[in-house]
Amino acid sequence: MSHRIGRLAEEIKREISSIIRQELKDPRIGFVSITAVEVSGDLRHAKIYVSVLGDEKQAQDTLAVLKKAQGFVRTMLGRKIKLRYTPELHFELDNSISHGVNIMKKLKEIQSDEKPPTE
């Protein structure tokens, strides 16, 4: 990935986080965190990975709202970032944080099951 694309991905990540936090007023949006942004080589598409705090239904509801509002988010992004073409946005659910939490819980369970031998 070129340096320019990496900088642009970070800028998009920052701006979309701001737009979701300040501009989208839908109550179905839970606590959303943008975990990563992948921008295509021609700068025409951006895949935005979002993580949602809550259960699976909240995550799916939030993702549905974001997909429905992607035109609005793209318009707002175009106003904040000056590019020849504003990238087409594609929101994807990122389960890596919840997956990591589940792994940590299982490791703690295993650790608590392995009681040290008494002497």
N, C-alpha and C. Protein backbone atom coordinates (compact mmCIF):
# COMPACT_ATOMS: atom_id res chain seq x y z
N MET A 1 0.85 -1.17 0.00
CA MET A 1 0.00 0.00 0.00
C MET A 1 0.89 1.23 0.00
N SER A 2 0.58 2.17 -0.85
CA SER A 2 1.40 3.37 -0.94
C SER A 2 1.17 4.27 0.27
N HIS A 3 2.11 5.14 0.48
CA HIS A 3 2.03 6.06 1.61
C HIS A 3 0.81 6.96 1.50
N ARG A 4 0.50 7.42 0.30
CA ARG A 4 -0.64 8.31 0.09
C ARG A 4 -1.95 7.61 0.44
N ILE A 5 -2.09 6.37 0.01
CA ILE A 5 -3.32 5.61 0.29
C ILE A 5 -3.46 5.38 1.79
N GLY A 6 -2.36 5.09 2.46
CA GLY A 6 -2.39 4.89 3.91
C GLY A 6 -2.81 6.16 4.65
N ARG A 7 -2.27 7.30 4.22
CA ARG A 7 -2.65 8.58 4.85
C ARG A 7 -4.12 8.88 4.59
N LEU A 8 -4.58 8.62 3.36
CA LEU A 8 -5.97 8.86 3.02
C LEU A 8 -6.90 7.96 3.83
N ALA A 9 -6.52 6.70 4.01
CA ALA A 9 -7.34 5.77 4.80
C ALA A 9 -7.48 6.26 6.23
N GLU A 10 -6.39 6.75 6.82
CA GLU A 10 -6.45 7.28 8.19
C GLU A 10 -7.32 8.53 8.26
N GLU A 11 -7.23 9.39 7.27
CA GLU A 11 -8.04 10.61 7.23
C GLU A 11 -9.53 10.25 7.09
N ILE A 12 -9.84 9.28 6.24
CA ILE A 12 -11.22 8.83 6.07
C ILE A 12 -11.74 8.24 7.37
N LYS A 13 -10.92 7.45 8.03
CA LYS A 13 -11.30 6.84 9.30
C LYS A 13 -11.66 7.91 10.33
N ARG A 14 -10.84 8.93 10.43
CA ARG A 14 -11.06 10.00 11.40
C ARG A 14 -12.33 10.79 11.07
N GLU A 15 -12.51 11.12 9.79
CA GLU A 15 -13.66 11.93 9.39
C GLU A 15 -14.97 11.15 9.51
N ILE A 16 -14.97 9.88 9.13
CA ILE A 16 -16.21 9.10 9.22
C ILE A 16 -16.58 8.89 10.68
N SER A 17 -15.60 8.69 11.55
CA SER A 17 -15.89 8.59 12.98
C SER A 17 -16.59 9.85 13.47
N SER A 18 -16.07 10.98 13.05
CA SER A 18 -16.66 12.26 13.43
C SER A 18 -18.07 12.42 12.87
N ILE A 19 -18.28 12.04 11.62
CA ILE A 19 -19.60 12.16 10.99
C ILE A 19 -20.62 11.27 11.71
N ILE A 20 -20.24 10.04 12.01
CA ILE A 20 -21.16 9.12 12.69
C ILE A 20 -21.50 9.66 14.08
N ARG A 21 -20.51 10.16 14.77
CA ARG A 21 -20.71 10.65 16.14
C ARG A 21 -21.56 11.92 16.17
N GLN A 22 -21.33 12.84 15.22
CA GLN A 22 -21.95 14.16 15.30
C GLN A 22 -23.13 14.36 14.38
N GLU A 23 -23.17 13.72 13.23
CA GLU A 23 -24.18 14.03 12.22
C GLU A 23 -25.34 13.02 12.17
N LEU A 24 -25.06 11.74 12.39
CA LEU A 24 -26.12 10.74 12.32
C LEU A 24 -26.89 10.71 13.64
N LYS A 25 -28.19 10.93 13.55
CA LYS A 25 -29.01 11.04 14.76
C LYS A 25 -29.93 9.85 14.96
N ASP A 26 -29.72 8.78 14.23
CA ASP A 26 -30.59 7.61 14.33
C ASP A 26 -30.38 6.91 15.68
N PRO A 27 -31.46 6.66 16.44
CA PRO A 27 -31.30 6.02 17.76
C PRO A 27 -30.87 4.55 17.68
N ARG A 28 -30.99 3.94 16.50
CA ARG A 28 -30.58 2.54 16.36
C ARG A 28 -29.07 2.37 16.29
N ILE A 29 -28.36 3.48 16.12
CA ILE A 29 -26.90 3.40 16.08
C ILE A 29 -26.39 3.27 17.50
N GLY A 30 -25.71 2.17 17.76
CA GLY A 30 -25.14 1.95 19.08
C GLY A 30 -23.77 2.60 19.18
N PHE A 31 -22.98 2.11 20.10
CA PHE A 31 -21.63 2.61 20.27
C PHE A 31 -20.77 2.02 19.16
N VAL A 32 -20.43 2.84 18.17
CA VAL A 32 -19.72 2.39 16.97
C VAL A 32 -18.27 2.85 17.03
N SER A 33 -17.39 1.97 16.63
CA SER A 33 -15.98 2.30 16.52
C SER A 33 -15.50 1.88 15.13
N ILE A 34 -14.83 2.79 14.44
CA ILE A 34 -14.25 2.46 13.14
C ILE A 34 -12.90 1.81 13.44
N THR A 35 -12.75 0.53 13.07
CA THR A 35 -11.52 -0.17 13.39
C THR A 35 -10.48 -0.07 12.28
N ALA A 36 -10.93 -0.01 11.03
CA ALA A 36 -9.98 0.06 9.91
C ALA A 36 -10.69 0.57 8.67
N VAL A 37 -9.89 1.11 7.76
CA VAL A 37 -10.39 1.55 6.46
C VAL A 37 -9.41 1.05 5.41
N GLU A 38 -9.94 0.39 4.38
CA GLU A 38 -9.12 -0.05 3.25
C GLU A 38 -9.57 0.74 2.03
N VAL A 39 -8.64 1.43 1.39
CA VAL A 39 -8.95 2.22 0.20
C VAL A 39 -8.35 1.50 -1.00
N SER A 40 -9.13 1.41 -2.08
CA SER A 40 -8.65 0.74 -3.29
C SER A 40 -7.54 1.58 -3.93
N GLY A 41 -6.77 0.96 -4.79
CA GLY A 41 -5.64 1.62 -5.43
C GLY A 41 -6.04 2.81 -6.29
N ASP A 42 -7.24 2.78 -6.88
CA ASP A 42 -7.68 3.90 -7.71
C ASP A 42 -8.45 4.96 -6.90
N LEU A 43 -8.54 4.77 -5.59
CA LEU A 43 -9.19 5.70 -4.65
C LEU A 43 -10.69 5.84 -4.91
N ARG A 44 -11.30 4.89 -5.57
CA ARG A 44 -12.73 4.97 -5.88
C ARG A 44 -13.61 4.24 -4.87
N HIS A 45 -13.02 3.32 -4.10
CA HIS A 45 -13.80 2.54 -3.13
C HIS A 45 -13.07 2.51 -1.79
N ALA A 46 -13.85 2.56 -0.72
CA ALA A 46 -13.29 2.45 0.62
C ALA A 46 -14.14 1.47 1.42
N LYS A 47 -13.49 0.48 1.99
CA LYS A 47 -14.16 -0.50 2.83
C LYS A 47 -13.93 -0.08 4.28
N ILE A 48 -15.02 0.22 4.99
CA ILE A 48 -14.94 0.70 6.36
C ILE A 48 -15.36 -0.43 7.28
N TYR A 49 -14.46 -0.84 8.17
CA TYR A 49 -14.74 -1.89 9.14
C TYR A 49 -15.19 -1.24 10.44
N VAL A 50 -16.39 -1.63 10.90
CA VAL A 50 -16.95 -1.05 12.12
C VAL A 50 -17.12 -2.14 13.18
N SER A 51 -16.90 -1.75 14.41
CA SER A 51 -17.14 -2.61 15.55
C SER A 51 -18.23 -1.97 16.39
N VAL A 52 -19.19 -2.76 16.84
CA VAL A 52 -20.32 -2.24 17.60
C VAL A 52 -20.33 -2.91 18.96
N LEU A 53 -20.41 -2.08 20.01
CA LEU A 53 -20.49 -2.60 21.37
C LEU A 53 -21.93 -3.06 21.60
N GLY A 54 -22.12 -4.30 21.97
CA GLY A 54 -23.46 -4.82 22.22
C GLY A 54 -23.60 -6.21 21.63
N ASP A 55 -24.84 -6.68 21.60
CA ASP A 55 -25.09 -8.03 21.09
C ASP A 55 -25.18 -8.03 19.56
N GLU A 56 -25.43 -9.21 19.02
CA GLU A 56 -25.44 -9.38 17.56
C GLU A 56 -26.56 -8.57 16.90
N LYS A 57 -27.72 -8.49 17.56
CA LYS A 57 -28.85 -7.73 16.99
C LYS A 57 -28.50 -6.24 16.91
N GLN A 58 -27.88 -5.70 17.94
CA GLN A 58 -27.48 -4.29 17.92
C GLN A 58 -26.46 -4.05 16.81
N ALA A 59 -25.55 -4.98 16.64
CA ALA A 59 -24.53 -4.84 15.60
C ALA A 59 -25.18 -4.86 14.22
N GLN A 60 -26.11 -5.77 13.99
CA GLN A 60 -26.78 -5.85 12.69
C GLN A 60 -27.65 -4.62 12.43
N ASP A 61 -28.34 -4.13 13.48
CA ASP A 61 -29.16 -2.92 13.32
C ASP A 61 -28.29 -1.72 12.97
N THR A 62 -27.18 -1.58 13.66
CA THR A 62 -26.27 -0.46 13.41
C THR A 62 -25.70 -0.54 12.00
N LEU A 63 -25.30 -1.73 11.59
CA LEU A 63 -24.76 -1.91 10.24
C LEU A 63 -25.81 -1.57 9.18
N ALA A 64 -27.06 -1.96 9.42
CA ALA A 64 -28.14 -1.65 8.47
C ALA A 64 -28.34 -0.14 8.35
N VAL A 65 -28.30 0.56 9.48
CA VAL A 65 -28.46 2.02 9.47
C VAL A 65 -27.29 2.67 8.72
N LEU A 66 -26.07 2.19 8.98
CA LEU A 66 -24.90 2.76 8.30
C LEU A 66 -24.96 2.53 6.79
N LYS A 67 -25.40 1.34 6.39
CA LYS A 67 -25.51 1.06 4.95
C LYS A 67 -26.57 1.93 4.30
N LYS A 68 -27.66 2.18 5.03
CA LYS A 68 -28.72 3.03 4.50
C LYS A 68 -28.26 4.49 4.41
N ALA A 69 -27.40 4.91 5.34
CA ALA A 69 -26.95 6.30 5.38
C ALA A 69 -25.63 6.52 4.63
N GLN A 70 -25.15 5.52 3.89
CA GLN A 70 -23.82 5.66 3.28
C GLN A 70 -23.77 6.78 2.25
N GLY A 71 -24.86 7.09 1.59
CA GLY A 71 -24.88 8.22 0.65
C GLY A 71 -24.68 9.54 1.38
N PHE A 72 -25.38 9.70 2.50
CA PHE A 72 -25.23 10.91 3.32
C PHE A 72 -23.80 11.01 3.86
N VAL A 73 -23.28 9.90 4.38
CA VAL A 73 -21.92 9.89 4.94
C VAL A 73 -20.91 10.23 3.84
N ARG A 74 -21.11 9.69 2.65
CA ARG A 74 -20.21 9.97 1.53
C ARG A 74 -20.25 11.45 1.16
N THR A 75 -21.45 12.04 1.13
CA THR A 75 -21.58 13.46 0.82
C THR A 75 -20.85 14.31 1.85
N MET A 76 -21.05 13.99 3.13
CA MET A 76 -20.38 14.75 4.20
C MET A 76 -18.86 14.56 4.12
N LEU A 77 -18.42 13.34 3.80
CA LEU A 77 -16.99 13.07 3.66
C LEU A 77 -16.41 13.89 2.51
N GLY A 78 -17.15 13.98 1.40
CA GLY A 78 -16.70 14.76 0.25
C GLY A 78 -16.53 16.24 0.57
N ARG A 79 -17.34 16.75 1.49
CA ARG A 79 -17.21 18.15 1.90
C ARG A 79 -15.99 18.38 2.78
N LYS A 80 -15.62 17.34 3.54
CA LYS A 80 -14.50 17.49 4.48
C LYS A 80 -13.15 17.16 3.87
N ILE A 81 -13.14 16.21 2.94
CA ILE A 81 -11.89 15.79 2.29
C ILE A 81 -11.98 16.18 0.82
N LYS A 82 -11.06 16.97 0.37
CA LYS A 82 -11.09 17.43 -1.02
C LYS A 82 -10.32 16.46 -1.91
N LEU A 83 -11.07 15.68 -2.67
CA LEU A 83 -10.50 14.74 -3.64
C LEU A 83 -11.24 14.93 -4.96
N ARG A 84 -10.64 14.48 -6.03
CA ARG A 84 -11.32 14.54 -7.32
C ARG A 84 -12.59 13.67 -7.27
N TYR A 85 -12.47 12.47 -6.70
CA TYR A 85 -13.60 11.57 -6.54
C TYR A 85 -13.69 11.15 -5.09
N THR A 86 -14.87 11.31 -4.51
CA THR A 86 -15.08 10.81 -3.16
C THR A 86 -15.30 9.30 -3.27
N PRO A 87 -14.59 8.50 -2.49
CA PRO A 87 -14.72 7.05 -2.62
C PRO A 87 -16.13 6.55 -2.30
N GLU A 88 -16.53 5.51 -2.99
CA GLU A 88 -17.77 4.80 -2.68
C GLU A 88 -17.53 4.05 -1.38
N LEU A 89 -18.44 4.18 -0.40
CA LEU A 89 -18.23 3.59 0.91
C LEU A 89 -18.93 2.24 1.02
N HIS A 90 -18.24 1.29 1.64
CA HIS A 90 -18.79 -0.04 1.89
C HIS A 90 -18.54 -0.37 3.35
N PHE A 91 -19.61 -0.44 4.15
CA PHE A 91 -19.48 -0.74 5.57
C PHE A 91 -19.50 -2.24 5.80
N GLU A 92 -18.57 -2.70 6.62
CA GLU A 92 -18.47 -4.13 6.97
C GLU A 92 -18.37 -4.24 8.48
N LEU A 93 -18.95 -5.29 9.03
CA LEU A 93 -18.89 -5.54 10.46
C LEU A 93 -17.56 -6.20 10.80
N ASP A 94 -16.88 -5.66 11.81
CA ASP A 94 -15.60 -6.21 12.26
C ASP A 94 -15.82 -6.85 13.62
N ASN A 95 -15.73 -8.16 13.66
CA ASN A 95 -15.97 -8.90 14.90
C ASN A 95 -14.68 -9.22 15.65
N SER A 96 -13.57 -8.65 15.26
CA SER A 96 -12.30 -9.02 15.87
C SER A 96 -12.23 -8.65 17.34
N ILE A 97 -12.84 -7.53 17.74
CA ILE A 97 -12.79 -7.13 19.15
C ILE A 97 -13.60 -8.11 20.00
N SER A 98 -14.83 -8.42 19.58
CA SER A 98 -15.64 -9.36 20.36
C SER A 98 -15.01 -10.76 20.35
N HIS A 99 -14.37 -11.11 19.24
CA HIS A 99 -13.68 -12.40 19.15
C HIS A 99 -12.53 -12.44 20.16
N GLY A 100 -11.80 -11.35 20.27
CA GLY A 100 -10.71 -11.26 21.23
C GLY A 100 -11.20 -11.34 22.66
N VAL A 101 -12.33 -10.71 22.95
CA VAL A 101 -12.91 -10.76 24.30
C VAL A 101 -13.31 -12.19 24.63
N ASN A 102 -13.92 -12.90 23.67
CA ASN A 102 -14.30 -14.30 23.90
C ASN A 102 -13.07 -15.18 24.17
N ILE A 103 -12.01 -14.95 23.44
CA ILE A 103 -10.78 -15.72 23.66
C ILE A 103 -10.23 -15.46 25.06
N MET A 104 -10.24 -14.19 25.48
CA MET A 104 -9.75 -13.86 26.82
C MET A 104 -10.59 -14.53 27.90
N LYS A 105 -11.92 -14.57 27.72
CA LYS A 105 -12.81 -15.23 28.69
C LYS A 105 -12.47 -16.72 28.79
N LYS A 106 -12.28 -17.35 27.63
CA LYS A 106 -11.96 -18.78 27.62
C LYS A 106 -10.61 -19.06 28.27
N LEU A 107 -9.63 -18.19 28.02
CA LEU A 107 -8.33 -18.36 28.65
C LEU A 107 -8.42 -18.23 30.17
N LYS A 108 -9.24 -17.29 30.64
CA LYS A 108 -9.42 -17.13 32.09
C LYS A 108 -10.12 -18.34 32.69
N GLU A 109 -11.09 -18.92 31.95
CA GLU A 109 -11.77 -20.12 32.42
C GLU A 109 -10.79 -21.27 32.54
N ILE A 110 -9.96 -21.44 31.54
CA ILE A 110 -8.97 -22.51 31.56
C ILE A 110 -8.00 -22.30 32.72
N GLN A 111 -7.59 -21.06 32.91
CA GLN A 111 -6.64 -20.75 33.98
C GLN A 111 -7.26 -21.02 35.35
N SER A 112 -8.55 -20.71 35.53
CA SER A 112 -9.20 -20.95 36.82
C SER A 112 -9.45 -22.44 37.05
N ASP A 113 -9.64 -23.21 35.97
CA ASP A 113 -9.84 -24.66 36.09
C ASP A 113 -8.54 -25.37 36.50
N GLU A 114 -7.42 -24.84 36.10
CA GLU A 114 -6.13 -25.44 36.42
C GLU A 114 -5.65 -24.91 37.78
N LYS A 115 -6.15 -25.51 38.82
CA LYS A 115 -5.76 -25.08 40.16
C LYS A 115 -4.37 -25.64 40.48
N PRO A 116 -3.56 -24.84 41.13
CA PRO A 116 -2.22 -25.34 41.46
C PRO A 116 -2.31 -26.49 42.47
N PRO A 117 -1.42 -27.48 42.32
CA PRO A 117 -1.45 -28.62 43.25
C PRO A 117 -1.07 -28.18 44.66
N THR A 118 -1.77 -28.74 45.65
CA THR A 118 -1.45 -28.41 47.04
C THR A 118 -0.37 -29.35 47.53
N GLU A 119 0.51 -28.80 48.33
CA GLU A 119 1.65 -29.59 48.79
C GLU A 119 1.38 -30.18 50.14
